[in-house]
Amino acid sequence: MSFADIFLLVPASPLLSGLIWLVVAVGLLYLARPAAHLAIAAASRLLHHACKLAARSVMLAEQRLKQRNNEVLLAAGREAAERIIEREFERIDASVRRDLAEYPALQRQMSEAITRLEQDYHDSSEVPPEPPAWAKVVDAVAKIAPKEPVVGEILQDIHDSMVRAQRAAIEQYRNDNSKRHRILSRMMPLWRRVAQVLGEMDKRVNRLLERSTAIDRHMTSYEDILNRSPRAERMLSSSSLTQFFIAGFVLAIAIGGAVINFHLIARPMQEMVGGSSYIMGYKAANIAALVIILVEVAMGLFLMESLRITRLFPVIAALDDRLRVRMIWVAFAFLLALASIESGLAFMREKLSQDDASLVASLVGQGEAGAVAANLWITTAAQMGMGFILPFALVFVAIPLESFIHSSRTVLGLLAQGLLQLLAFLLRLTGNVFRHGGNMLIRLYDLLIFLPLWLEERLRARGKPAEMAVTDDAVATEGRS
């Protein structure tokens, strides 16, 4: 018996059979209405609570991730602040050793200059000449009227002697003044030297004060980081985002330079390792050129680490100074050798290009003489220069790479935190959809069996007046009794 035979209760009328089954289904749904409501409500509550619990778990994970991101951010900020403060102290130490180490010599120079100034000052003091003691006597005698010729001659001789003595005193006074002027003019370079020494000392002290002000500012930021203040977290977060985008931009420029370097040496590498050799489906020449560039980047990283400009490898920074200097020279030697190799490969590339051009010219009938231009040495020199300079330019990739790596931890943490918040929102939304969807399913269920529910409602409405009448009769009987 097929399903069609079971469905067609009245074989002659499929519509009547469908109505019979509809009445049966509605009746069964009406009879199962309480249990169906409970099942739908229980399922909706179960899914709602499951989504709510999942959202709460995701929010807890987001809080833990946020705390972890803050710890990583503060640790990176603390390390950067310590490096800056350490560098500032090194600069102050160098400044103190360089500037204040000359302080005893400057003090000695100033003491000598001041001593000479004091001596010249005492030497240049003006002492007016005292008039002779007998001048008053001679003056009194000169006032006596000469009655005798002999007395007149004597007085005239005395007068001439007085004039000569006065002239000699004036000449001596002028010589003394000239000597004092020479002493004062000799004092001017000493005054200038003292002013220069004082100005130099003032500049050095001001530089130390500026350094100390910068250290105070960095120490304030460092204390904020240690205290986990919100201001420090905001500043570090914005700084990490800025460093991430700037370092990414610089790395993109460096990748462009590496691509140019790759194309510069890929062609001649085919002549060295063979153009028909493949490794894992890739040309061996391209792999060899890529390996050379990566080795140059690695040597640049090691050189920057040995110079303590970057700190990607703490083991290198912790090496002994003598071993670290040796590592610097070894890395530089490798870079120099690789740069020379690239310069030779660039020269080989230009020669290959010239040979190809000559071959094409000979094939088209122009001859080899017309294919060689007089200014090809400029292109050759430019390519050799690029091949030699680009490896050293790739050395500085280590600086933006370090900033990118350190800032990417914060940026990835913020992205993961945002994704968790979005996931928690979606789980809450899904839970609310399940909760209100259960109520909607209950209403739809009642909509399917609206006819029995309407009949039930009508029967209840008819039974209510009879019940109310019986209740009124019972109340009246009780009142008579």
Protein backbone atom coordinates (compact mmCIF):
# COMPACT_ATOMS: atom_id res chain seq x y z
CA MET A 1 0.00 0.00 0.00
CA SER A 2 1.50 3.31 -1.07
CA PHE A 3 1.39 6.64 0.69
CA ALA A 4 -1.19 7.89 -1.78
CA ASP A 5 -3.50 5.00 -0.88
CA ILE A 6 -3.17 5.81 2.82
CA PHE A 7 -3.75 9.49 2.23
CA LEU A 8 -6.83 9.03 0.07
CA LEU A 9 -9.36 7.99 2.68
CA VAL A 10 -12.08 8.67 0.11
CA PRO A 11 -10.63 7.42 -3.20
CA ALA A 12 -13.19 9.25 -5.26
CA SER A 13 -12.51 12.64 -3.66
CA PRO A 14 -8.92 13.69 -2.84
CA LEU A 15 -10.20 17.06 -1.59
CA LEU A 16 -12.46 15.42 0.93
CA SER A 17 -9.61 13.18 2.05
CA GLY A 18 -7.41 16.25 2.52
CA LEU A 19 -10.09 17.99 4.58
CA ILE A 20 -10.47 14.88 6.76
CA TRP A 21 -6.73 14.76 7.37
CA LEU A 22 -6.70 18.50 8.09
CA VAL A 23 -9.44 18.10 10.68
CA VAL A 24 -7.57 15.17 12.23
CA ALA A 25 -4.29 17.12 12.29
CA VAL A 26 -5.92 20.19 13.80
CA GLY A 27 -7.56 18.02 16.41
CA LEU A 28 -4.31 16.34 17.28
CA LEU A 29 -2.54 19.69 17.47
CA TYR A 30 -5.33 21.02 19.66
CA LEU A 31 -5.03 18.05 22.00
CA ALA A 32 -1.22 18.42 22.12
CA ARG A 33 -1.38 22.19 22.61
CA PRO A 34 -0.30 22.36 26.30
CA ALA A 35 2.58 19.94 25.80
CA ALA A 36 3.64 21.69 22.58
CA HIS A 37 3.63 25.08 24.31
CA LEU A 38 5.76 23.70 27.11
CA ALA A 39 8.17 22.08 24.66
CA ILE A 40 8.55 25.24 22.56
CA ALA A 41 9.00 27.42 25.66
CA ALA A 42 11.53 24.97 27.15
CA ALA A 43 13.49 24.80 23.88
CA SER A 44 13.54 28.60 23.52
CA ARG A 45 14.64 29.02 27.16
CA LEU A 46 17.32 26.38 26.69
CA LEU A 47 18.73 28.05 23.58
CA HIS A 48 18.44 31.50 25.17
CA HIS A 49 20.33 30.46 28.30
CA ALA A 50 22.92 28.61 26.20
CA CYS A 51 23.60 31.72 24.09
CA LYS A 52 23.61 33.87 27.23
CA LEU A 53 26.11 31.57 28.92
CA ALA A 54 28.26 31.52 25.79
CA ALA A 55 28.13 35.33 25.60
CA ARG A 56 29.13 35.58 29.26
CA SER A 57 32.04 33.20 28.64
CA VAL A 58 33.12 35.24 25.64
CA MET A 59 32.95 38.45 27.70
CA LEU A 60 35.05 36.85 30.43
CA ALA A 61 37.57 35.83 27.78
CA GLU A 62 37.45 39.37 26.44
CA GLN A 63 38.12 40.78 29.91
CA ARG A 64 41.06 38.41 30.39
CA LEU A 65 42.37 39.34 26.94
CA LYS A 66 41.96 43.03 27.76
CA GLN A 67 43.88 42.56 31.00
CA ARG A 68 46.55 40.64 29.11
CA ASN A 69 46.74 43.36 26.47
CA ASN A 70 47.13 46.00 29.17
CA GLU A 71 49.91 43.99 30.78
CA VAL A 72 51.69 43.57 27.46
CA LEU A 73 51.18 47.25 26.63
CA LEU A 74 52.46 48.42 30.00
CA ALA A 75 55.40 46.01 29.85
CA ALA A 76 56.36 47.28 26.39
CA GLY A 77 55.93 50.88 27.53
CA ARG A 78 57.96 50.23 30.67
CA GLU A 79 60.75 48.64 28.62
CA ALA A 80 60.75 51.54 26.16
CA ALA A 81 60.75 54.08 29.01
CA GLU A 82 63.62 52.26 30.71
CA ARG A 83 65.60 52.31 27.49
CA ILE A 84 64.98 56.03 27.03
CA ILE A 85 65.85 56.82 30.65
CA GLU A 86 68.95 54.66 30.44
CA ARG A 87 70.00 56.49 27.30
CA GLU A 88 69.38 59.87 28.94
CA PHE A 89 71.50 58.87 31.93
CA GLU A 90 74.25 57.75 29.57
CA ARG A 91 74.08 61.11 27.83
CA ILE A 92 74.23 62.94 31.15
CA ASP A 93 77.16 60.81 32.23
CA ALA A 94 78.95 61.55 28.96
CA SER A 95 78.10 65.24 29.28
CA VAL A 96 79.35 65.35 32.87
CA ARG A 97 82.53 63.53 31.92
CA ARG A 98 83.06 65.76 28.89
CA ASP A 99 82.01 69.12 30.30
CA LEU A 100 82.58 69.00 34.02
CA ALA A 101 85.83 67.07 33.67
CA GLU A 102 87.35 70.33 32.44
CA TYR A 103 86.01 72.23 35.44
CA PRO A 104 89.34 72.12 37.44
CA ALA A 105 91.20 73.51 34.41
CA LEU A 106 88.58 76.19 33.94
CA GLN A 107 88.71 77.03 37.63
CA ARG A 108 92.50 77.28 37.49
CA GLN A 109 92.31 79.53 34.43
CA MET A 110 89.75 81.73 36.15
CA SER A 111 91.86 81.90 39.32
CA GLU A 112 94.95 82.88 37.32
CA ALA A 113 92.98 85.44 35.37
CA ILE A 114 91.45 86.91 38.52
CA THR A 115 94.87 87.04 40.21
CA ARG A 116 96.35 88.87 37.24
CA LEU A 117 93.37 91.19 37.16
CA GLU A 118 93.80 91.98 40.84
CA GLN A 119 97.51 92.62 40.41
CA ASP A 120 96.92 94.83 37.38
CA TYR A 121 94.22 96.65 39.28
CA HIS A 122 96.61 97.44 42.12
CA ASP A 123 99.27 98.45 39.63
CA SER A 124 96.89 100.75 37.83
CA SER A 125 95.81 102.63 40.96
CA GLU A 126 96.54 106.35 40.66
CA VAL A 127 98.76 107.96 43.32
CA PRO A 128 99.02 111.75 42.81
CA PRO A 129 102.54 113.13 43.24
CA GLU A 130 103.10 115.10 46.39
CA PRO A 131 104.35 118.66 45.90
CA PRO A 132 107.84 119.34 47.24
CA ALA A 133 107.98 120.50 50.85
CA TRP A 134 110.13 123.48 50.01
CA ALA A 135 107.73 124.86 47.43
CA LYS A 136 105.90 126.93 50.03
CA VAL A 137 109.15 128.31 51.38
CA VAL A 138 110.32 129.27 47.92
CA ASP A 139 106.95 130.77 47.17
CA ALA A 140 107.18 132.90 50.34
CA VAL A 141 110.72 134.00 49.50
CA ALA A 142 109.67 134.79 45.94
CA LYS A 143 107.14 137.24 47.24
CA ILE A 144 109.87 139.30 48.95
CA ALA A 145 110.78 142.41 46.95
CA PRO A 146 114.30 142.01 45.62
CA LYS A 147 116.40 144.97 46.84
CA GLU A 148 119.71 143.43 45.98
CA PRO A 149 120.68 142.15 42.54
CA VAL A 150 122.23 139.06 44.03
CA VAL A 151 119.01 138.13 45.77
CA GLY A 152 117.11 138.64 42.49
CA GLU A 153 119.42 136.30 40.65
CA ILE A 154 119.06 133.69 43.38
CA LEU A 155 115.32 133.96 43.27
CA GLN A 156 115.35 133.68 39.46
CA ASP A 157 117.46 130.53 39.69
CA ILE A 158 115.04 129.14 42.25
CA HIS A 159 112.13 129.97 39.92
CA ASP A 160 113.79 128.21 36.98
CA SER A 161 114.47 125.18 39.16
CA MET A 162 110.82 125.14 40.21
CA VAL A 163 109.67 125.26 36.57
CA ARG A 164 112.03 122.43 35.61
CA ALA A 165 110.87 120.36 38.57
CA GLN A 166 107.24 121.00 37.62
CA ARG A 167 107.87 119.91 34.06
CA ALA A 168 109.66 116.75 35.25
CA ALA A 169 106.76 115.96 37.61
CA ILE A 170 104.22 116.46 34.80
CA GLU A 171 106.26 114.22 32.50
CA GLN A 172 106.50 111.57 35.20
CA TYR A 173 102.76 111.82 35.81
CA ARG A 174 102.05 111.40 32.12
CA ASN A 175 104.36 108.38 31.93
CA ASP A 176 102.62 106.84 34.93
CA ASN A 177 99.20 107.42 33.34
CA SER A 178 100.40 105.88 30.09
CA LYS A 179 101.70 102.89 31.99
CA ARG A 180 98.36 102.52 33.79
CA HIS A 181 96.50 102.73 30.48
CA ARG A 182 98.70 99.98 29.09
CA ILE A 183 97.95 97.87 32.15
CA LEU A 184 94.21 98.50 31.74
CA SER A 185 94.37 97.62 28.04
CA ARG A 186 96.19 94.41 29.07
CA MET A 187 93.28 93.66 31.43
CA MET A 188 90.67 93.62 28.63
CA PRO A 189 91.64 90.21 27.15
CA LEU A 190 91.59 88.79 30.67
CA TRP A 191 88.08 90.14 31.21
CA ARG A 192 87.01 88.70 27.86
CA ARG A 193 88.60 85.36 28.78
CA VAL A 194 86.75 85.32 32.11
CA ALA A 195 83.45 86.22 30.40
CA GLN A 196 84.06 83.49 27.78
CA VAL A 197 84.81 80.89 30.46
CA LEU A 198 81.73 81.90 32.44
CA GLY A 199 79.57 81.78 29.29
CA GLU A 200 80.88 78.32 28.40
CA MET A 201 80.23 77.07 31.91
CA ASP A 202 76.73 78.55 31.75
CA LYS A 203 76.04 76.71 28.47
CA ARG A 204 77.23 73.42 29.92
CA VAL A 205 75.17 73.83 33.06
CA ASN A 206 72.11 74.72 30.95
CA ARG A 207 72.63 71.58 28.87
CA LEU A 208 72.73 69.52 32.06
CA LEU A 209 69.57 71.26 33.27
CA GLU A 210 67.82 70.47 29.98
CA ARG A 211 68.88 66.85 30.28
CA SER A 212 67.62 66.72 33.84
CA THR A 213 64.29 68.25 32.74
CA ALA A 214 63.94 65.59 30.04
CA ILE A 215 64.75 62.88 32.59
CA ASP A 216 62.12 64.28 34.96
CA ARG A 217 59.55 64.13 32.16
CA HIS A 218 60.49 60.55 31.28
CA MET A 219 60.48 59.57 34.94
CA THR A 220 56.96 60.99 35.30
CA SER A 221 55.80 58.86 32.38
CA TYR A 222 57.61 55.87 33.84
CA GLU A 223 55.88 56.33 37.19
CA ASP A 224 52.51 56.58 35.44
CA ILE A 225 53.25 53.28 33.69
CA LEU A 226 54.25 51.63 36.95
CA ASN A 227 51.07 52.91 38.60
CA ARG A 228 48.97 51.62 35.67
CA SER A 229 47.22 54.93 35.24
CA PRO A 230 44.53 55.22 32.52
CA ARG A 231 46.39 58.17 31.02
CA ALA A 232 49.50 56.03 30.49
CA GLU A 233 47.41 53.24 28.92
CA ARG A 234 45.78 55.68 26.49
CA MET A 235 49.10 57.23 25.53
CA LEU A 236 50.78 53.86 25.05
CA SER A 237 47.84 52.53 23.04
CA SER A 238 47.83 55.50 20.66
CA SER A 239 51.61 55.35 20.41
CA SER A 240 51.47 51.64 19.53
CA LEU A 241 48.90 52.27 16.81
CA THR A 242 51.00 55.11 15.39
CA GLN A 243 54.15 53.00 15.45
CA PHE A 244 52.31 50.09 13.83
CA PHE A 245 51.14 52.10 10.83
CA ILE A 246 54.40 54.03 10.41
CA ALA A 247 56.51 50.88 10.72
CA GLY A 248 54.21 49.07 8.30
CA PHE A 249 54.60 51.89 5.78
CA VAL A 250 58.40 51.82 6.10
CA LEU A 251 58.41 48.01 5.79
CA ALA A 252 56.33 48.30 2.62
CA ILE A 253 58.99 50.65 1.22
CA ALA A 254 61.70 48.19 2.25
CA ILE A 255 59.82 45.34 0.56
CA GLY A 256 59.69 47.42 -2.62
CA GLY A 257 63.46 47.88 -2.43
CA ALA A 258 63.90 44.15 -1.86
CA VAL A 259 61.76 43.41 -4.94
CA ILE A 260 63.91 45.74 -7.05
CA ASN A 261 67.01 44.07 -5.65
CA PHE A 262 65.54 40.67 -6.50
CA HIS A 263 64.90 41.60 -10.14
CA LEU A 264 68.36 43.11 -10.31
CA ILE A 265 70.12 39.81 -9.55
CA ALA A 266 67.57 37.21 -10.70
CA ARG A 267 68.64 37.27 -14.38
CA PRO A 268 72.39 36.73 -13.83
CA MET A 269 71.66 34.04 -11.24
CA GLN A 270 70.11 31.99 -14.05
CA GLU A 271 73.51 31.90 -15.73
CA MET A 272 75.14 30.76 -12.49
CA VAL A 273 72.73 28.07 -11.23
CA GLY A 274 71.00 27.29 -14.53
CA GLY A 275 67.73 28.58 -15.84
CA SER A 276 66.17 25.12 -16.27
CA SER A 277 66.66 23.96 -12.67
CA TYR A 278 63.60 23.85 -10.43
CA ILE A 279 63.23 23.32 -6.69
CA MET A 280 59.73 22.39 -5.51
CA GLY A 281 58.23 23.88 -8.65
CA TYR A 282 60.15 27.17 -8.44
CA LYS A 283 63.18 28.27 -10.42
CA ALA A 284 66.44 27.64 -8.62
CA ALA A 285 67.75 31.01 -9.78
CA ASN A 286 64.85 32.87 -8.15
CA ILE A 287 65.29 30.89 -4.94
CA ALA A 288 69.04 31.64 -4.92
CA ALA A 289 68.40 35.37 -5.44
CA LEU A 290 65.80 35.36 -2.67
CA VAL A 291 68.20 33.54 -0.34
CA ILE A 292 70.88 36.17 -0.96
CA ILE A 293 68.46 38.97 -0.09
CA LEU A 294 67.25 37.18 3.04
CA VAL A 295 70.85 36.56 4.15
CA GLU A 296 71.53 40.28 3.71
CA VAL A 297 68.50 41.12 5.85
CA ALA A 298 69.66 38.61 8.48
CA MET A 299 73.16 40.09 8.53
CA GLY A 300 71.61 43.54 8.89
CA LEU A 301 69.57 42.33 11.85
CA PHE A 302 72.67 40.85 13.48
CA LEU A 303 74.60 44.06 12.85
CA MET A 304 71.87 46.22 14.41
CA GLU A 305 71.60 43.84 17.35
CA SER A 306 75.36 43.91 17.88
CA LEU A 307 75.31 47.71 17.78
CA ARG A 308 72.49 47.57 20.38
CA ILE A 309 70.25 49.71 18.21
CA THR A 310 67.56 47.01 18.25
CA ARG A 311 66.79 44.34 20.85
CA LEU A 312 65.07 41.54 19.00
CA PHE A 313 67.62 38.98 20.23
CA PRO A 314 68.50 39.48 23.92
CA VAL A 315 71.27 36.89 23.64
CA ILE A 316 73.27 39.14 21.30
CA ALA A 317 72.80 42.20 23.52
CA ALA A 318 74.03 40.18 26.53
CA LEU A 319 77.29 39.17 24.86
CA ASP A 320 80.65 40.33 26.09
CA ASP A 321 81.73 43.63 24.55
CA ARG A 322 84.77 42.13 22.92
CA LEU A 323 82.78 39.28 21.38
CA ARG A 324 80.05 41.72 20.35
CA VAL A 325 82.58 43.93 18.53
CA ARG A 326 83.89 40.87 16.70
CA MET A 327 80.34 40.00 15.70
CA ILE A 328 79.90 43.54 14.35
CA TRP A 329 82.95 43.18 12.12
CA VAL A 330 81.92 39.70 10.96
CA ALA A 331 78.40 40.87 10.04
CA PHE A 332 79.81 43.92 8.28
CA ALA A 333 82.29 41.74 6.36
CA PHE A 334 79.47 39.46 5.21
CA LEU A 335 77.41 42.47 4.13
CA LEU A 336 80.35 43.93 2.25
CA ALA A 337 80.96 40.61 0.49
CA LEU A 338 77.29 40.21 -0.44
CA ALA A 339 77.14 43.81 -1.66
CA SER A 340 80.19 43.20 -3.84
CA ILE A 341 78.61 40.01 -5.19
CA GLU A 342 75.41 41.88 -6.03
CA SER A 343 77.41 44.61 -7.72
CA GLY A 344 79.13 41.97 -9.86
CA LEU A 345 75.79 40.34 -10.65
CA ALA A 346 74.40 43.73 -11.71
CA PHE A 347 77.39 44.18 -14.02
CA MET A 348 76.79 40.69 -15.41
CA ARG A 349 73.12 41.54 -15.94
CA GLU A 350 74.01 44.60 -17.96
CA LYS A 351 76.45 42.59 -20.08
CA LEU A 352 73.77 39.99 -20.74
CA SER A 353 71.35 42.74 -21.73
CA GLN A 354 73.95 44.16 -24.13
CA ASP A 355 74.54 40.71 -25.62
CA ASP A 356 70.81 40.24 -26.13
CA ALA A 357 70.56 43.65 -27.75
CA SER A 358 73.50 42.85 -30.03
CA LEU A 359 71.91 39.54 -30.98
CA VAL A 360 68.60 41.18 -31.82
CA ALA A 361 70.40 43.88 -33.82
CA SER A 362 72.35 41.28 -35.78
CA LEU A 363 69.18 39.35 -36.53
CA VAL A 364 67.41 42.40 -37.90
CA GLY A 365 70.45 43.25 -40.02
CA GLN A 366 71.80 46.35 -38.30
CA GLY A 367 75.10 44.76 -37.31
CA GLU A 368 76.81 44.59 -33.95
CA ALA A 369 78.38 48.03 -34.24
CA GLY A 370 75.04 49.78 -34.22
CA ALA A 371 73.88 47.92 -31.14
CA VAL A 372 76.55 49.25 -28.79
CA ALA A 373 76.03 52.81 -27.71
CA ALA A 374 78.65 55.11 -26.30
CA ASN A 375 76.79 55.86 -23.07
CA LEU A 376 76.12 52.32 -21.89
CA TRP A 377 78.69 52.74 -19.13
CA ILE A 378 76.25 55.07 -17.31
CA THR A 379 73.63 52.31 -17.08
CA THR A 380 76.27 49.80 -16.02
CA ALA A 381 77.59 52.09 -13.28
CA ALA A 382 74.06 52.86 -12.06
CA GLN A 383 73.14 49.17 -11.82
CA MET A 384 76.42 48.32 -10.07
CA GLY A 385 75.85 51.19 -7.63
CA MET A 386 72.32 50.00 -6.88
CA GLY A 387 73.57 46.45 -6.39
CA PHE A 388 76.15 47.70 -3.90
CA ILE A 389 73.97 50.19 -2.01
CA LEU A 390 70.71 48.24 -1.65
CA PRO A 391 72.16 45.57 0.71
CA PHE A 392 73.35 48.29 3.09
CA ALA A 393 69.98 50.05 2.80
CA LEU A 394 68.23 46.82 3.80
CA VAL A 395 70.25 46.84 7.03
CA PHE A 396 68.01 49.55 8.45
CA VAL A 397 64.93 47.36 7.99
CA ALA A 398 65.66 46.04 11.49
CA ILE A 399 64.49 49.30 13.11
CA PRO A 400 60.95 49.43 11.64
CA LEU A 401 60.73 45.64 11.93
CA GLU A 402 61.29 45.85 15.69
CA SER A 403 58.68 48.60 16.05
CA PHE A 404 56.25 46.65 13.88
CA ILE A 405 56.67 43.45 15.91
CA HIS A 406 56.32 45.17 19.28
CA SER A 407 53.33 47.26 18.21
CA SER A 408 51.63 44.36 16.40
CA ARG A 409 51.12 42.61 19.73
CA THR A 410 49.01 45.49 20.94
CA VAL A 411 47.19 45.93 17.63
CA LEU A 412 46.40 42.21 17.30
CA GLY A 413 45.23 42.18 20.91
CA LEU A 414 42.88 45.09 20.24
CA LEU A 415 41.56 43.36 17.10
CA ALA A 416 40.99 40.11 19.01
CA GLN A 417 39.28 42.07 21.78
CA GLY A 418 36.98 43.73 19.24
CA LEU A 419 36.16 40.37 17.63
CA LEU A 420 35.28 38.88 21.02
CA GLN A 421 33.03 41.83 21.77
CA LEU A 422 31.33 41.37 18.39
CA LEU A 423 30.92 37.64 19.04
CA ALA A 424 29.41 38.32 22.47
CA PHE A 425 26.97 40.79 20.89
CA LEU A 426 25.97 38.25 18.25
CA LEU A 427 25.44 35.56 20.92
CA ARG A 428 23.27 37.91 22.97
CA LEU A 429 21.31 38.81 19.84
CA THR A 430 20.89 35.14 18.96
CA GLY A 431 19.72 34.35 22.51
CA ASN A 432 17.10 37.09 22.34
CA VAL A 433 16.02 35.84 18.92
CA PHE A 434 15.54 32.34 20.36
CA ARG A 435 13.61 33.69 23.36
CA HIS A 436 11.24 35.84 21.32
CA GLY A 437 11.18 33.24 18.54
CA GLY A 438 9.73 30.72 21.03
CA ASN A 439 6.88 33.11 21.79
CA MET A 440 6.36 33.63 18.07
CA LEU A 441 6.26 29.84 17.47
CA ILE A 442 3.65 29.50 20.22
CA ARG A 443 1.53 32.15 18.52
CA LEU A 444 1.96 30.44 15.14
CA TYR A 445 1.00 27.11 16.71
CA ASP A 446 -2.18 28.66 18.07
CA LEU A 447 -2.81 30.22 14.67
CA LEU A 448 -2.84 26.76 13.06
CA ILE A 449 -5.53 25.55 15.45
CA PHE A 450 -7.48 28.79 15.66
CA LEU A 451 -10.81 27.07 14.88
CA PRO A 452 -10.87 24.72 17.93
CA LEU A 453 -9.60 27.58 20.08
CA TRP A 454 -12.40 29.81 18.80
CA LEU A 455 -14.99 27.13 19.53
CA GLU A 456 -13.53 26.67 23.00
CA GLU A 457 -13.69 30.38 23.62
CA ARG A 458 -17.33 30.49 22.48
CA LEU A 459 -18.29 27.59 24.74
CA ARG A 460 -16.63 29.26 27.69
CA ALA A 461 -18.48 32.48 26.91
CA ARG A 462 -21.84 30.61 26.93
CA GLY A 463 -21.07 28.80 30.17
CA LYS A 464 -20.25 31.96 32.05
CA PRO A 465 -23.89 33.38 32.25
CA ALA A 466 -25.22 30.06 33.65
CA GLU A 467 -22.46 29.96 36.22
CA MET A 468 -23.17 33.55 37.16
CA ALA A 469 -26.94 32.74 37.54
CA VAL A 470 -26.24 29.77 39.80
CA THR A 471 -23.93 31.92 41.84
CA ASP A 472 -26.64 34.62 42.23
CA ASP A 473 -29.28 32.03 43.31
CA ALA A 474 -26.89 30.65 45.93
CA VAL A 475 -26.23 34.12 47.24
CA ALA A 476 -29.97 34.86 47.44
CA THR A 477 -30.70 31.61 49.28
CA GLU A 478 -28.03 32.33 51.80
CA GLY A 479 -29.51 35.81 52.25
CA ARG A 480 -33.02 34.44 53.02
CA SER A 481 -31.66 32.03 55.52
